[in-house]
Protein backbone atom coordinates (compact mmCIF):
# COMPACT_ATOMS: atom_id res chain seq x y z
CA MET A 1 25.89 -36.94 -7.50
CA ILE A 2 23.81 -36.79 -4.30
CA VAL A 3 26.54 -34.76 -2.59
CA VAL A 4 26.49 -32.22 -5.45
CA LEU A 5 22.69 -31.90 -5.18
CA LEU A 6 22.93 -31.39 -1.42
CA ILE A 7 25.56 -28.68 -1.88
CA ILE A 8 23.42 -26.88 -4.49
CA LEU A 9 20.34 -27.16 -2.27
CA GLY A 10 22.35 -25.83 0.69
CA LEU A 11 23.55 -22.84 -1.33
CA LEU A 12 20.01 -22.05 -2.44
CA ILE A 13 18.76 -22.14 1.14
CA TYR A 14 21.71 -20.02 2.32
CA ASN A 15 21.13 -17.43 -0.42
CA ARG A 16 17.46 -17.09 0.57
CA ARG A 17 18.43 -16.61 4.21
CA VAL A 18 20.91 -13.85 3.28
CA GLU A 19 18.23 -12.16 1.17
CA ARG A 20 15.81 -12.08 4.13
CA ILE A 21 18.51 -10.75 6.42
CA ASN A 22 19.36 -8.02 3.89
CA GLU A 23 15.69 -6.99 3.68
CA ALA A 24 15.81 -6.21 7.40
CA ASN A 25 18.65 -3.72 6.89
CA VAL A 26 16.16 -0.91 6.29
CA ILE A 27 13.93 -0.46 9.33
CA LEU A 28 11.07 1.81 10.30
CA TYR A 29 11.04 3.42 13.71
CA ALA A 30 7.91 5.07 15.13
CA GLU A 31 6.12 5.28 18.45
CA ASP A 32 3.24 3.42 16.83
CA GLU A 33 3.05 1.97 13.32
CA ASN A 34 -0.76 1.96 13.24
CA ILE A 35 -3.14 4.74 12.24
CA THR A 36 -6.88 4.41 12.81
CA ILE A 37 -9.37 7.12 11.93
CA ASP A 38 -13.12 7.40 12.16
CA ASP A 39 -15.61 9.56 10.30
CA SER A 40 -16.69 11.78 13.19
CA LEU A 41 -15.34 15.01 11.67
CA PRO A 42 -14.30 14.97 7.98
CA VAL A 43 -11.94 17.81 6.99
CA SER A 44 -10.91 19.64 3.83
CA ASP A 45 -7.68 18.85 1.99
CA LYS A 46 -6.36 22.31 2.88
CA PHE A 47 -6.90 21.66 6.58
CA GLY A 48 -5.55 18.10 6.31
CA LYS A 49 -2.29 19.28 4.75
CA GLU A 50 -1.72 22.20 7.12
CA ALA A 51 -2.95 20.95 10.52
CA LYS A 52 -0.24 20.28 13.08
CA ASP A 53 -2.30 18.70 15.86
CA GLU A 54 -4.65 15.74 16.00
CA LEU A 55 -7.83 17.72 16.62
CA SER A 56 -10.23 14.85 16.08
CA SER A 57 -10.31 11.10 15.54
CA SER A 58 -10.95 11.80 11.83
CA TYR A 59 -7.50 13.34 11.37
CA LYS A 60 -4.24 11.69 12.40
CA TYR A 61 -0.57 12.05 11.69
CA LEU A 62 2.44 9.91 12.41
CA GLU A 63 6.10 10.87 12.47
CA PHE A 64 8.51 8.06 11.68
CA GLU A 65 12.07 7.35 10.57
CA ILE A 66 13.57 5.02 8.01
CA ILE A 67 17.03 3.83 9.02
CA ASN A 68 19.53 1.93 6.88
CA VAL A 69 21.61 -0.19 9.24
CA SER A 70 23.50 -1.70 6.31
CA SER A 71 27.04 -0.83 5.24
CA ARG A 72 25.81 -0.15 1.69
CA PRO A 73 23.16 2.06 0.07
CA ARG A 74 19.72 0.45 -0.30
CA ASP A 75 16.57 1.00 -2.31
CA TYR A 76 13.52 0.94 -0.09
CA GLN A 77 9.74 1.23 -0.15
CA ILE A 78 7.35 2.79 2.33
CA TYR A 79 3.97 1.09 2.13
CA ILE A 80 0.75 0.66 4.06
CA THR A 81 -1.18 -2.48 4.88
CA LYS A 82 -4.87 -2.01 5.51
CA ASN A 83 -6.37 -3.55 8.64
CA SER A 84 -9.84 -5.07 8.54
CA PHE A 85 -12.61 -4.21 10.95
CA ASN A 86 -15.62 -6.23 11.94
CA THR A 87 -17.54 -2.95 11.91
CA SER A 88 -18.26 -0.68 8.98
CA GLU A 89 -15.33 0.80 7.09
CA ILE A 90 -14.96 4.24 5.61
CA ASN A 91 -15.09 4.06 1.83
CA ASN A 92 -11.46 3.92 0.59
CA ARG A 93 -11.87 6.81 -1.83
CA PHE A 94 -12.57 9.23 1.05
CA VAL A 95 -9.43 8.39 3.04
CA LYS A 96 -6.82 11.03 2.15
CA LEU A 97 -3.06 10.53 2.64
CA TYR A 98 -0.24 13.05 2.62
CA LEU A 99 3.44 12.06 2.99
CA MET A 100 6.08 14.68 3.86
CA ASP A 101 9.83 14.69 4.42
CA GLU A 102 11.60 16.02 7.51
CA ASN A 103 11.29 19.59 6.20
CA ASN A 104 7.51 19.19 5.82
CA ASN A 105 7.77 19.16 2.03
CA PRO A 106 5.34 16.84 0.24
CA ILE A 107 6.90 13.82 -1.46
CA ASP A 108 6.27 12.69 -5.07
CA ILE A 109 2.56 12.16 -5.81
CA PHE A 110 1.69 14.11 -2.67
CA SER A 111 3.20 17.32 -4.06
CA ASN A 112 0.47 18.11 -6.58
CA ASN A 113 -2.77 19.85 -5.66
CA ASP A 114 -4.86 16.68 -5.92
CA ILE A 115 -4.32 14.85 -2.64
CA PRO A 116 -4.45 11.09 -3.31
CA SER A 117 -6.92 8.89 -1.52
CA TYR A 118 -6.28 5.29 -0.54
CA VAL A 119 -7.76 4.01 -3.83
CA ASP A 120 -5.32 6.16 -5.84
CA LEU A 121 -2.29 4.30 -4.47
CA ASN A 122 -0.90 1.28 -6.33
CA TYR A 123 -0.90 -2.24 -4.91
CA ILE A 124 2.49 -3.90 -4.49
CA LYS A 125 2.59 -6.95 -6.78
CA ASP A 126 4.16 -9.37 -4.30
CA MET A 127 2.11 -7.99 -1.38
CA PRO A 128 -1.52 -7.83 -2.56
CA ASN A 129 -2.88 -6.35 0.69
CA SER A 130 -0.38 -3.49 0.67
CA LYS A 131 -0.24 -0.18 -1.18
CA LEU A 132 2.90 1.71 -2.10
CA LEU A 133 3.43 5.20 -0.71
CA TYR A 134 7.01 5.92 -1.74
CA THR A 135 10.16 4.36 -3.22
CA SER A 136 13.64 5.84 -2.88
CA LYS A 137 17.28 5.15 -2.06
CA ILE A 138 18.95 5.53 1.32
CA ASP A 139 22.71 5.76 1.91
CA LYS A 140 24.57 3.44 4.25
CA TYR A 141 23.83 4.13 7.93
CA GLN A 142 21.54 7.01 6.94
CA LYS A 143 18.33 8.03 8.71
CA LYS A 144 15.40 9.79 6.99
CA LYS A 145 12.44 11.33 8.79
CA PHE A 146 8.88 11.43 7.45
CA THR A 147 5.40 12.47 8.50
CA ILE A 148 2.23 10.95 7.14
CA LYS A 149 -1.09 12.74 7.60
CA VAL A 150 -4.39 10.91 7.13
CA TRP A 151 -7.92 12.28 7.20
CA VAL A 152 -11.48 11.68 6.09
CA SER A 153 -12.46 13.86 3.12
CA ASP A 154 -15.04 16.54 3.77
CA ASN A 155 -17.02 15.02 0.85
CA TYR A 156 -17.76 11.95 2.96
CA VAL A 157 -21.25 11.49 4.40
CA SER A 158 -22.31 8.64 6.63
CA LEU A 159 -25.15 8.02 9.06
CA SER A 160 -23.22 5.53 11.18
CA LYS A 161 -19.77 5.38 12.80
CA ASN A 162 -17.19 3.97 10.36
CA TYR A 163 -13.46 3.35 10.65
CA PHE A 164 -10.32 2.97 8.55
CA SER A 165 -7.05 1.54 9.84
CA PHE A 166 -3.64 0.67 8.42
CA ASP A 167 -0.09 -0.10 9.47
CA ILE A 168 2.84 1.70 7.91
CA ARG A 169 5.82 -0.44 6.93
CA THR A 170 9.09 -0.35 5.04
CA ARG A 171 11.27 -2.84 3.23
CA ALA A 172 14.48 -2.94 1.22
CA VAL A 173 13.97 -3.78 -2.46
């Protein structure tokens, strides 16, 4: 009886290990996975969507790739995890996000005229400090390129220097 319990326990532990290994089959590659902006120069949504250079510390963009190193297709999520500051933070509803594919076409909720702010994104149930940007499927050994643009809304007013920072991540689901 004890031997049977040990075998069952061993299989459960092995299955969890395989699950964690499989989650690592979809990876994110970028020069830097962190974006930090300040409120020194808020910009309009039109400018935020169209700008191609980081002209101020209030507007940033990051190019990154999602790579499936697995021998089978995978569902994946791109999400962001907010970083905390000891200093003042920009109000979440004034932080605008815009996700594009490799052809600079907006993806999903980013394709309408209302650019979502951080508060408009949904939390991930099993990761309460993270917000979902995008969910899709990736073929075996495939690579997909993305660009995320982030800026402070031109509706934002502050009398002191404030910041907003997050890390961009991916996972297989």
